[in-house]
Amino acid sequence: RKSLFAEPLGLVKSDKAAKTLKKAGASDAQILRGDIRDADALAACMKGKRIDALIICTSAVPKIRFFSIVKILIKKLFRRPASRPEFKFPPNGTPEEVDYYGLLTQIEAAKQANIPRVVLVSSMGGTDPNNFLNTIGVQPDGTGGQILMWKRKGEKALVASGLDYTIVHPGGLLDQPGGKRTLVIGVDDELLKRETRSIPRADVAEVCVQALVCEGARSRAFDLISETPENSPEVTTDFEALFASETRVYDYGKDPGEPVAAFPNGPPSAA
């Protein structure tokens, strides 16, 4: 895509993320350091650079509670029914802080830098407040979790921002080769009713890049999965046709309600 875009840059916060990009072939000059919660840091990263588009893949990431695994193992040892493992979000890394306020900061940075196109990778499940993922990290007062609801709230902010956007809701992510399956798009979580509702990460990445050049992907949101390789009649290569295969508009009026805010006036600055 070198004929269409400038050299790709990747924004990371941790050394681990930087190493991942280097392993994928990125040079030191292509790796930028910053915190998406820090508006000044984002502005500094973008200053003086030609940025044709912004692809946002940030997400809060839960960590497993060690003692919940211990409890599960003990229950299995005594042949008692085991519950699910328990998770928590790290400090400054809750869905509210990352998937909502962090996204707002990136939207504002895109505006300030006059970036013409934004692609957001979110998640399916946003129409259902009872989705299991929303229970992860929830505190006794109701704050701390509700990741899909915070993602959806952030998506609605992007839609209302005036930026030229595409919002992609992939199904379960697979660490398998891309470019070997039939891709399927839909709206309003209807694809979750399917038996197969996952997709390789590489295929999601390809859809994000194609969304930058295909008119059919502009100013819309859609869900995305793939058929299994054995059930794929053909490999998806015509992405304009893929985007045209779903004509319905994603309905943000199907509101799952407001997530419980720990920071109703915004979280503390990351600066």
C-alpha atoms as a PDB file:
ATOM      1  CA  ARG A   1       0.000   0.000   0.000  1.00  0.00           C
ATOM      2  CA  LYS A   2       3.070   2.266  -0.203  1.00  0.00           C
ATOM      3  CA  SER A   3       1.633   4.012  -3.251  1.00  0.00           C
ATOM      4  CA  LEU A   4      -1.431   5.101  -1.270  1.00  0.00           C
ATOM      5  CA  PHE A   5      -0.139   5.848   2.218  1.00  0.00           C
ATOM      6  CA  ALA A   6       2.875   7.154   4.026  1.00  0.00           C
ATOM      7  CA  GLU A   7       5.057   4.749   6.012  1.00  0.00           C
ATOM      8  CA  PRO A   8       2.937   3.132   8.756  1.00  0.00           C
ATOM      9  CA  LEU A   9       3.572   4.182  12.343  1.00  0.00           C
ATOM     10  CA  GLY A  10       2.570   2.331  15.487  1.00  0.00           C
ATOM     11  CA  LEU A  11       1.788   3.954  18.842  1.00  0.00           C
ATOM     12  CA  VAL A  12       2.641   1.819  21.883  1.00  0.00           C
ATOM     13  CA  LYS A  13       2.820   2.337  25.610  1.00  0.00           C
ATOM     14  CA  SER A  14       4.832  -0.666  26.812  1.00  0.00           C
ATOM     15  CA  ASP A  15       8.144  -2.291  25.925  1.00  0.00           C
ATOM     16  CA  LYS A  16       6.247  -5.527  25.306  1.00  0.00           C
ATOM     17  CA  ALA A  17       4.082  -3.883  22.640  1.00  0.00           C
ATOM     18  CA  ALA A  18       7.168  -2.319  21.032  1.00  0.00           C
ATOM     19  CA  LYS A  19       8.852  -5.723  20.827  1.00  0.00           C
ATOM     20  CA  THR A  20       5.737  -7.160  19.186  1.00  0.00           C
ATOM     21  CA  LEU A  21       5.844  -4.488  16.479  1.00  0.00           C
ATOM     22  CA  LYS A  22       9.564  -5.034  15.918  1.00  0.00           C
ATOM     23  CA  LYS A  23       8.951  -8.764  15.554  1.00  0.00           C
ATOM     24  CA  ALA A  24       6.377  -7.910  12.871  1.00  0.00           C
ATOM     25  CA  GLY A  25       9.007  -5.899  10.982  1.00  0.00           C
ATOM     26  CA  ALA A  26       8.624  -2.351  12.295  1.00  0.00           C
ATOM     27  CA  SER A  27      11.742  -0.210  12.617  1.00  0.00           C
ATOM     28  CA  ASP A  28      12.544   1.955  15.624  1.00  0.00           C
ATOM     29  CA  ALA A  29      11.531   5.018  13.600  1.00  0.00           C
ATOM     30  CA  GLN A  30       8.065   3.548  13.007  1.00  0.00           C
ATOM     31  CA  ILE A  31       7.356   2.993  16.709  1.00  0.00           C
ATOM     32  CA  LEU A  32       5.967   5.929  18.678  1.00  0.00           C
ATOM     33  CA  ARG A  33       5.644   5.989  22.460  1.00  0.00           C
ATOM     34  CA  GLY A  34       2.669   7.459  24.261  1.00  0.00           C
ATOM     35  CA  ASP A  35      -0.370   6.993  26.469  1.00  0.00           C
ATOM     36  CA  ILE A  36      -3.779   7.328  24.808  1.00  0.00           C
ATOM     37  CA  ARG A  37      -5.084   8.955  27.993  1.00  0.00           C
ATOM     38  CA  ASP A  38      -2.562  11.801  27.617  1.00  0.00           C
ATOM     39  CA  ALA A  39      -3.781  14.342  25.055  1.00  0.00           C
ATOM     40  CA  ASP A  40      -0.491  16.265  25.048  1.00  0.00           C
ATOM     41  CA  ALA A  41       1.541  13.099  24.424  1.00  0.00           C
ATOM     42  CA  LEU A  42      -0.686  12.138  21.500  1.00  0.00           C
ATOM     43  CA  ALA A  43      -0.394  15.609  20.000  1.00  0.00           C
ATOM     44  CA  ALA A  44       3.401  15.451  20.310  1.00  0.00           C
ATOM     45  CA  CYS A  45       3.456  12.050  18.554  1.00  0.00           C
ATOM     46  CA  MET A  46       1.464  13.377  15.617  1.00  0.00           C
ATOM     47  CA  LYS A  47       3.117  16.795  15.308  1.00  0.00           C
ATOM     48  CA  GLY A  48       5.028  17.334  12.087  1.00  0.00           C
ATOM     49  CA  LYS A  49       4.120  13.953  10.600  1.00  0.00           C
ATOM     50  CA  ARG A  50       2.068  13.114   7.543  1.00  0.00           C
ATOM     51  CA  ILE A  51      -0.774  10.961   8.842  1.00  0.00           C
ATOM     52  CA  ASP A  52      -3.270   9.863   6.207  1.00  0.00           C
ATOM     53  CA  ALA A  53      -5.439   7.746   8.508  1.00  0.00           C
ATOM     54  CA  LEU A  54      -5.719   6.484  12.067  1.00  0.00           C
ATOM     55  CA  ILE A  55      -6.541   2.848  12.853  1.00  0.00           C
ATOM     56  CA  ILE A  56      -7.497   2.481  16.517  1.00  0.00           C
ATOM     57  CA  CYS A  57      -7.024  -0.959  18.081  1.00  0.00           C
ATOM     58  CA  THR A  58      -6.746   0.014  21.746  1.00  0.00           C
ATOM     59  CA  SER A  59      -8.673  -1.938  24.357  1.00  0.00           C
ATOM     60  CA  ALA A  60      -8.690  -2.529  28.087  1.00  0.00           C
ATOM     61  CA  VAL A  61      -7.117  -5.915  28.821  1.00  0.00           C
ATOM     62  CA  PRO A  62      -8.139  -7.868  31.933  1.00  0.00           C
ATOM     63  CA  LYS A  63      -5.704  -9.911  33.976  1.00  0.00           C
ATOM     64  CA  ILE A  64      -6.593 -13.154  35.688  1.00  0.00           C
ATOM     65  CA  ARG A  65      -6.761 -13.230  39.478  1.00  0.00           C
ATOM     66  CA  PHE A  66      -4.202 -15.824  40.574  1.00  0.00           C
ATOM     67  CA  PHE A  67      -6.150 -17.031  43.592  1.00  0.00           C
ATOM     68  CA  SER A  68      -9.225 -17.707  41.461  1.00  0.00           C
ATOM     69  CA  ILE A  69      -7.169 -20.330  39.598  1.00  0.00           C
ATOM     70  CA  VAL A  70      -6.078 -21.825  42.903  1.00  0.00           C
ATOM     71  CA  LYS A  71      -9.720 -22.130  43.999  1.00  0.00           C
ATOM     72  CA  ILE A  72     -10.652 -23.821  40.730  1.00  0.00           C
ATOM     73  CA  LEU A  73      -7.833 -26.348  41.064  1.00  0.00           C
ATOM     74  CA  ILE A  74      -8.818 -27.145  44.652  1.00  0.00           C
ATOM     75  CA  LYS A  75     -12.443 -27.692  43.630  1.00  0.00           C
ATOM     76  CA  LYS A  76     -11.363 -29.999  40.817  1.00  0.00           C
ATOM     77  CA  LEU A  77      -9.114 -31.880  43.219  1.00  0.00           C
ATOM     78  CA  PHE A  78     -12.123 -32.613  45.413  1.00  0.00           C
ATOM     79  CA  ARG A  79     -14.344 -33.196  42.366  1.00  0.00           C
ATOM     80  CA  ARG A  80     -16.575 -30.257  43.154  1.00  0.00           C
ATOM     81  CA  PRO A  81     -18.155 -28.040  40.461  1.00  0.00           C
ATOM     82  CA  ALA A  82     -15.667 -25.352  39.440  1.00  0.00           C
ATOM     83  CA  SER A  83     -16.635 -21.774  38.632  1.00  0.00           C
ATOM     84  CA  ARG A  84     -15.107 -19.502  35.990  1.00  0.00           C
ATOM     85  CA  PRO A  85     -11.740 -17.871  36.675  1.00  0.00           C
ATOM     86  CA  GLU A  86     -11.953 -14.295  37.938  1.00  0.00           C
ATOM     87  CA  PHE A  87     -10.404 -11.313  36.188  1.00  0.00           C
ATOM     88  CA  LYS A  88      -9.551  -7.727  37.033  1.00  0.00           C
ATOM     89  CA  PHE A  89      -8.384  -4.674  35.129  1.00  0.00           C
ATOM     90  CA  PRO A  90      -5.092  -3.054  36.130  1.00  0.00           C
ATOM     91  CA  PRO A  91      -4.954   0.437  37.667  1.00  0.00           C
ATOM     92  CA  ASN A  92      -5.584   3.138  35.022  1.00  0.00           C
ATOM     93  CA  GLY A  93      -6.600   0.398  32.612  1.00  0.00           C
ATOM     94  CA  THR A  94     -10.338  -0.025  33.118  1.00  0.00           C
ATOM     95  CA  PRO A  95     -12.724  -0.029  30.129  1.00  0.00           C
ATOM     96  CA  GLU A  96     -14.015   3.379  31.183  1.00  0.00           C
ATOM     97  CA  GLU A  97     -10.511   4.855  31.107  1.00  0.00           C
ATOM     98  CA  VAL A  98      -9.257   3.050  27.975  1.00  0.00           C
ATOM     99  CA  ASP A  99     -12.228   2.222  25.755  1.00  0.00           C
ATOM    100  CA  TYR A 100     -14.140   5.426  26.418  1.00  0.00           C
ATOM    101  CA  TYR A 101     -11.965   8.279  27.664  1.00  0.00           C
ATOM    102  CA  GLY A 102      -8.914   6.934  25.828  1.00  0.00           C
ATOM    103  CA  LEU A 103     -10.937   6.836  22.633  1.00  0.00           C
ATOM    104  CA  LEU A 104     -12.216  10.380  23.189  1.00  0.00           C
ATOM    105  CA  THR A 105      -8.618  11.553  23.480  1.00  0.00           C
ATOM    106  CA  GLN A 106      -7.698   9.840  20.207  1.00  0.00           C
ATOM    107  CA  ILE A 107     -10.717  11.343  18.451  1.00  0.00           C
ATOM    108  CA  GLU A 108      -9.717  14.820  19.592  1.00  0.00           C
ATOM    109  CA  ALA A 109      -6.100  14.208  18.560  1.00  0.00           C
ATOM    110  CA  ALA A 110      -7.272  13.131  15.091  1.00  0.00           C
ATOM    111  CA  LYS A 111      -9.243  16.350  14.764  1.00  0.00           C
ATOM    112  CA  GLN A 112      -6.325  18.500  15.878  1.00  0.00           C
ATOM    113  CA  ALA A 113      -3.994  16.745  13.434  1.00  0.00           C
ATOM    114  CA  ASN A 114      -6.526  16.997  10.567  1.00  0.00           C
ATOM    115  CA  ILE A 115      -6.478  13.237  10.029  1.00  0.00           C
ATOM    116  CA  PRO A 116      -9.078  12.538   7.321  1.00  0.00           C
ATOM    117  CA  ARG A 117      -9.955   8.902   8.082  1.00  0.00           C
ATOM    118  CA  VAL A 118     -10.415   6.867  11.275  1.00  0.00           C
ATOM    119  CA  VAL A 119     -10.993   3.120  11.520  1.00  0.00           C
ATOM    120  CA  LEU A 120     -11.935   1.765  14.948  1.00  0.00           C
ATOM    121  CA  VAL A 121     -11.624  -1.906  15.873  1.00  0.00           C
ATOM    122  CA  SER A 122     -14.188  -2.584  18.581  1.00  0.00           C
ATOM    123  CA  SER A 123     -16.092  -5.792  19.392  1.00  0.00           C
ATOM    124  CA  MET A 124     -19.340  -7.588  18.794  1.00  0.00           C
ATOM    125  CA  GLY A 125     -21.718  -7.947  21.730  1.00  0.00           C
ATOM    126  CA  GLY A 126     -22.343  -4.248  22.319  1.00  0.00           C
ATOM    127  CA  THR A 127     -26.129  -4.576  22.090  1.00  0.00           C
ATOM    128  CA  ASP A 128     -26.305  -6.959  25.079  1.00  0.00           C
ATOM    129  CA  PRO A 129     -25.716  -5.510  28.567  1.00  0.00           C
ATOM    130  CA  ASN A 130     -25.829  -9.080  29.952  1.00  0.00           C
ATOM    131  CA  ASN A 131     -22.916 -10.319  27.839  1.00  0.00           C
ATOM    132  CA  PHE A 132     -20.419 -12.192  30.025  1.00  0.00           C
ATOM    133  CA  LEU A 133     -17.607  -9.811  29.028  1.00  0.00           C
ATOM    134  CA  ASN A 134     -19.452  -6.967  30.762  1.00  0.00           C
ATOM    135  CA  THR A 135     -19.126  -8.793  34.092  1.00  0.00           C
ATOM    136  CA  ILE A 136     -15.327  -8.897  34.029  1.00  0.00           C
ATOM    137  CA  GLY A 137     -13.734  -6.556  36.558  1.00  0.00           C
ATOM    138  CA  VAL A 138     -17.002  -5.184  37.958  1.00  0.00           C
ATOM    139  CA  GLN A 139     -16.601  -3.777  41.479  1.00  0.00           C
ATOM    140  CA  PRO A 140     -19.258  -3.913  44.233  1.00  0.00           C
ATOM    141  CA  ASP A 141     -20.404  -0.387  43.311  1.00  0.00           C
ATOM    142  CA  GLY A 142     -20.891  -1.430  39.666  1.00  0.00           C
ATOM    143  CA  THR A 143     -17.842   0.397  38.271  1.00  0.00           C
ATOM    144  CA  GLY A 144     -14.694  -1.089  36.789  1.00  0.00           C
ATOM    145  CA  GLY A 145     -16.122  -3.402  34.117  1.00  0.00           C
ATOM    146  CA  GLN A 146     -18.861  -3.290  31.451  1.00  0.00           C
ATOM    147  CA  ILE A 147     -16.266  -3.274  28.677  1.00  0.00           C
ATOM    148  CA  LEU A 148     -18.687  -3.756  25.777  1.00  0.00           C
ATOM    149  CA  MET A 149     -20.943  -0.974  27.039  1.00  0.00           C
ATOM    150  CA  TRP A 150     -18.006   1.439  27.333  1.00  0.00           C
ATOM    151  CA  LYS A 151     -16.820   0.452  23.857  1.00  0.00           C
ATOM    152  CA  ARG A 152     -20.287   1.152  22.458  1.00  0.00           C
ATOM    153  CA  LYS A 153     -20.411   4.525  24.215  1.00  0.00           C
ATOM    154  CA  GLY A 154     -17.065   5.365  22.615  1.00  0.00           C
ATOM    155  CA  GLU A 155     -18.296   4.242  19.197  1.00  0.00           C
ATOM    156  CA  LYS A 156     -21.268   6.577  19.449  1.00  0.00           C
ATOM    157  CA  ALA A 157     -18.890   9.428  20.252  1.00  0.00           C
ATOM    158  CA  LEU A 158     -16.888   8.649  17.094  1.00  0.00           C
ATOM    159  CA  VAL A 159     -20.058   8.548  14.986  1.00  0.00           C
ATOM    160  CA  ALA A 160     -21.042  11.977  16.349  1.00  0.00           C
ATOM    161  CA  SER A 161     -17.541  13.461  15.984  1.00  0.00           C
ATOM    162  CA  GLY A 162     -17.823  14.548  12.371  1.00  0.00           C
ATOM    163  CA  LEU A 163     -14.789  12.459  11.380  1.00  0.00           C
ATOM    164  CA  ASP A 164     -14.911  10.113   8.383  1.00  0.00           C
ATOM    165  CA  TYR A 165     -15.085   6.768  10.192  1.00  0.00           C
ATOM    166  CA  THR A 166     -15.429   3.008   9.876  1.00  0.00           C
ATOM    167  CA  ILE A 167     -16.201   0.883  12.941  1.00  0.00           C
ATOM    168  CA  VAL A 168     -15.398  -2.832  12.783  1.00  0.00           C
ATOM    169  CA  HIS A 169     -16.860  -5.312  15.301  1.00  0.00           C
ATOM    170  CA  PRO A 170     -14.878  -8.538  14.885  1.00  0.00           C
ATOM    171  CA  GLY A 171     -15.927 -11.813  16.444  1.00  0.00           C
ATOM    172  CA  GLY A 172     -13.565 -13.966  18.499  1.00  0.00           C
ATOM    173  CA  LEU A 173      -9.983 -13.387  17.368  1.00  0.00           C
ATOM    174  CA  LEU A 174      -7.915 -16.317  16.100  1.00  0.00           C
ATOM    175  CA  ASP A 175      -4.121 -16.547  15.853  1.00  0.00           C
ATOM    176  CA  GLN A 176      -4.353 -18.260  12.469  1.00  0.00           C
ATOM    177  CA  PRO A 177      -3.244 -17.265   8.949  1.00  0.00           C
ATOM    178  CA  GLY A 178      -5.373 -14.732   7.119  1.00  0.00           C
ATOM    179  CA  GLY A 179      -6.401 -14.667   3.479  1.00  0.00           C
ATOM    180  CA  LYS A 180      -7.750 -18.213   3.488  1.00  0.00           C
ATOM    181  CA  ARG A 181     -11.447 -17.761   4.314  1.00  0.00           C
ATOM    182  CA  THR A 182     -14.754 -16.313   3.230  1.00  0.00           C
ATOM    183  CA  LEU A 183     -15.454 -13.197   5.288  1.00  0.00           C
ATOM    184  CA  VAL A 184     -18.976 -12.253   6.386  1.00  0.00           C
ATOM    185  CA  ILE A 185     -20.287  -8.916   7.631  1.00  0.00           C
ATOM    186  CA  GLY A 186     -23.541  -8.121   9.435  1.00  0.00           C
ATOM    187  CA  VAL A 187     -25.106  -5.690  11.883  1.00  0.00           C
ATOM    188  CA  ASP A 188     -26.542  -5.511  15.399  1.00  0.00           C
ATOM    189  CA  ASP A 189     -24.859  -8.679  16.726  1.00  0.00           C
ATOM    190  CA  GLU A 190     -26.951 -10.969  14.516  1.00  0.00           C
ATOM    191  CA  LEU A 191     -23.805 -12.924  13.587  1.00  0.00           C
ATOM    192  CA  LEU A 192     -23.474 -14.015  17.235  1.00  0.00           C
ATOM    193  CA  LYS A 193     -26.361 -16.412  16.559  1.00  0.00           C
ATOM    194  CA  ARG A 194     -24.120 -18.408  14.230  1.00  0.00           C
ATOM    195  CA  GLU A 195     -22.266 -21.488  15.367  1.00  0.00           C
ATOM    196  CA  THR A 196     -19.020 -20.080  13.949  1.00  0.00           C
ATOM    197  CA  ARG A 197     -18.407 -16.456  14.921  1.00  0.00           C
ATOM    198  CA  SER A 198     -14.647 -15.972  14.962  1.00  0.00           C
ATOM    199  CA  ILE A 199     -12.045 -14.565  12.581  1.00  0.00           C
ATOM    200  CA  PRO A 200      -8.236 -14.542  12.231  1.00  0.00           C
ATOM    201  CA  ARG A 201      -6.545 -11.370  13.440  1.00  0.00           C
ATOM    202  CA  ALA A 202      -4.801 -11.056  10.073  1.00  0.00           C
ATOM    203  CA  ASP A 203      -8.156 -10.893   8.287  1.00  0.00           C
ATOM    204  CA  VAL A 204      -9.341  -8.142  10.645  1.00  0.00           C
ATOM    205  CA  ALA A 205      -6.170  -6.194   9.859  1.00  0.00           C
ATOM    206  CA  GLU A 206      -6.772  -6.606   6.119  1.00  0.00           C
ATOM    207  CA  VAL A 207     -10.364  -5.381   6.443  1.00  0.00           C
ATOM    208  CA  CYS A 208      -9.136  -2.303   8.336  1.00  0.00           C
ATOM    209  CA  VAL A 209      -6.692  -1.414   5.570  1.00  0.00           C
ATOM    210  CA  GLN A 210      -9.267  -2.100   2.848  1.00  0.00           C
ATOM    211  CA  ALA A 211     -11.738   0.139   4.701  1.00  0.00           C
ATOM    212  CA  LEU A 212      -9.358   3.034   4.067  1.00  0.00           C
ATOM    213  CA  VAL A 213      -9.577   2.657   0.284  1.00  0.00           C
ATOM    214  CA  CYS A 214     -13.091   1.285  -0.308  1.00  0.00           C
ATOM    215  CA  GLU A 215     -15.914   3.790  -0.591  1.00  0.00           C
ATOM    216  CA  GLY A 216     -18.388   1.189   0.645  1.00  0.00           C
ATOM    217  CA  ALA A 217     -16.786   1.211   4.100  1.00  0.00           C
ATOM    218  CA  ARG A 218     -17.104   4.929   4.745  1.00  0.00           C
ATOM    219  CA  SER A 219     -19.284   6.265   7.565  1.00  0.00           C
ATOM    220  CA  ARG A 220     -20.587   2.909   8.691  1.00  0.00           C
ATOM    221  CA  ALA A 221     -20.265   0.259  11.379  1.00  0.00           C
ATOM    222  CA  PHE A 222     -20.506  -3.485  10.859  1.00  0.00           C
ATOM    223  CA  ASP A 223     -19.864  -6.863  12.500  1.00  0.00           C
ATOM    224  CA  LEU A 224     -17.232  -9.164  11.005  1.00  0.00           C
ATOM    225  CA  ILE A 225     -16.612 -12.918  11.139  1.00  0.00           C
ATOM    226  CA  SER A 226     -15.244 -15.596   8.834  1.00  0.00           C
ATOM    227  CA  GLU A 227     -16.367 -19.003   7.712  1.00  0.00           C
ATOM    228  CA  THR A 228     -14.119 -21.891   8.655  1.00  0.00           C
ATOM    229  CA  PRO A 229     -11.591 -22.803   5.924  1.00  0.00           C
ATOM    230  CA  GLU A 230     -13.463 -25.995   5.079  1.00  0.00           C
ATOM    231  CA  ASN A 231     -16.767 -24.104   4.791  1.00  0.00           C
ATOM    232  CA  SER A 232     -15.377 -21.196   2.779  1.00  0.00           C
ATOM    233  CA  PRO A 233     -16.684 -21.384  -0.805  1.00  0.00           C
ATOM    234  CA  GLU A 234     -14.032 -18.854  -1.855  1.00  0.00           C
ATOM    235  CA  VAL A 235     -11.426 -16.628  -0.269  1.00  0.00           C
ATOM    236  CA  THR A 236     -12.597 -13.027   0.083  1.00  0.00           C
ATOM    237  CA  THR A 237     -10.520 -10.774  -2.148  1.00  0.00           C
ATOM    238  CA  ASP A 238     -13.128  -8.309  -3.452  1.00  0.00           C
ATOM    239  CA  PHE A 239     -13.619  -6.033  -0.479  1.00  0.00           C
ATOM    240  CA  GLU A 240     -15.932  -3.566  -2.188  1.00  0.00           C
ATOM    241  CA  ALA A 241     -18.228  -6.530  -2.773  1.00  0.00           C
ATOM    242  CA  LEU A 242     -17.844  -7.586   0.857  1.00  0.00           C
ATOM    243  CA  PHE A 243     -18.855  -4.149   2.139  1.00  0.00           C
ATOM    244  CA  ALA A 244     -21.740  -4.031  -0.341  1.00  0.00           C
ATOM    245  CA  SER A 245     -23.032  -7.435   0.795  1.00  0.00           C
ATOM    246  CA  GLU A 246     -24.649  -5.836   3.879  1.00  0.00           C
ATOM    247  CA  THR A 247     -26.914  -2.894   3.061  1.00  0.00           C
ATOM    248  CA  ARG A 248     -28.504  -2.376   6.466  1.00  0.00           C
ATOM    249  CA  VAL A 249     -27.317   0.400   8.772  1.00  0.00           C
ATOM    250  CA  TYR A 250     -25.943  -0.523  12.171  1.00  0.00           C
ATOM    251  CA  ASP A 251     -28.560   0.566  14.708  1.00  0.00           C
ATOM    252  CA  TYR A 252     -27.069   2.514  17.615  1.00  0.00           C
ATOM    253  CA  GLY A 253     -30.620   3.134  18.767  1.00  0.00           C
ATOM    254  CA  LYS A 254     -30.543  -0.370  20.276  1.00  0.00           C
ATOM    255  CA  ASP A 255     -29.181   1.067  23.475  1.00  0.00           C
ATOM    256  CA  PRO A 256     -28.019  -1.369  26.199  1.00  0.00           C
ATOM    257  CA  GLY A 257     -28.091   1.482  28.730  1.00  0.00           C
ATOM    258  CA  GLU A 258     -25.426   3.586  30.387  1.00  0.00           C
ATOM    259  CA  PRO A 259     -22.427   1.885  32.030  1.00  0.00           C
ATOM    260  CA  VAL A 260     -21.707   2.820  35.638  1.00  0.00           C
ATOM    261  CA  ALA A 261     -19.070   5.571  35.710  1.00  0.00           C
ATOM    262  CA  ALA A 262     -16.259   5.750  38.241  1.00  0.00           C
ATOM    263  CA  PHE A 263     -15.119   9.047  36.692  1.00  0.00           C
ATOM    264  CA  PRO A 264     -18.252  10.980  35.673  1.00  0.00           C
ATOM    265  CA  ASN A 265     -16.130  14.084  35.092  1.00  0.00           C
ATOM    266  CA  GLY A 266     -13.255  12.259  33.394  1.00  0.00           C
ATOM    267  CA  PRO A 267     -10.353  10.291  34.867  1.00  0.00           C
ATOM    268  CA  PRO A 268      -7.188  11.881  36.251  1.00  0.00           C
ATOM    269  CA  SER A 269      -4.775  13.022  33.535  1.00  0.00           C
ATOM    270  CA  ALA A 270      -2.142  10.521  32.476  1.00  0.00           C
ATOM    271  CA  ALA A 271       0.356  13.329  31.904  1.00  0.00           C
END
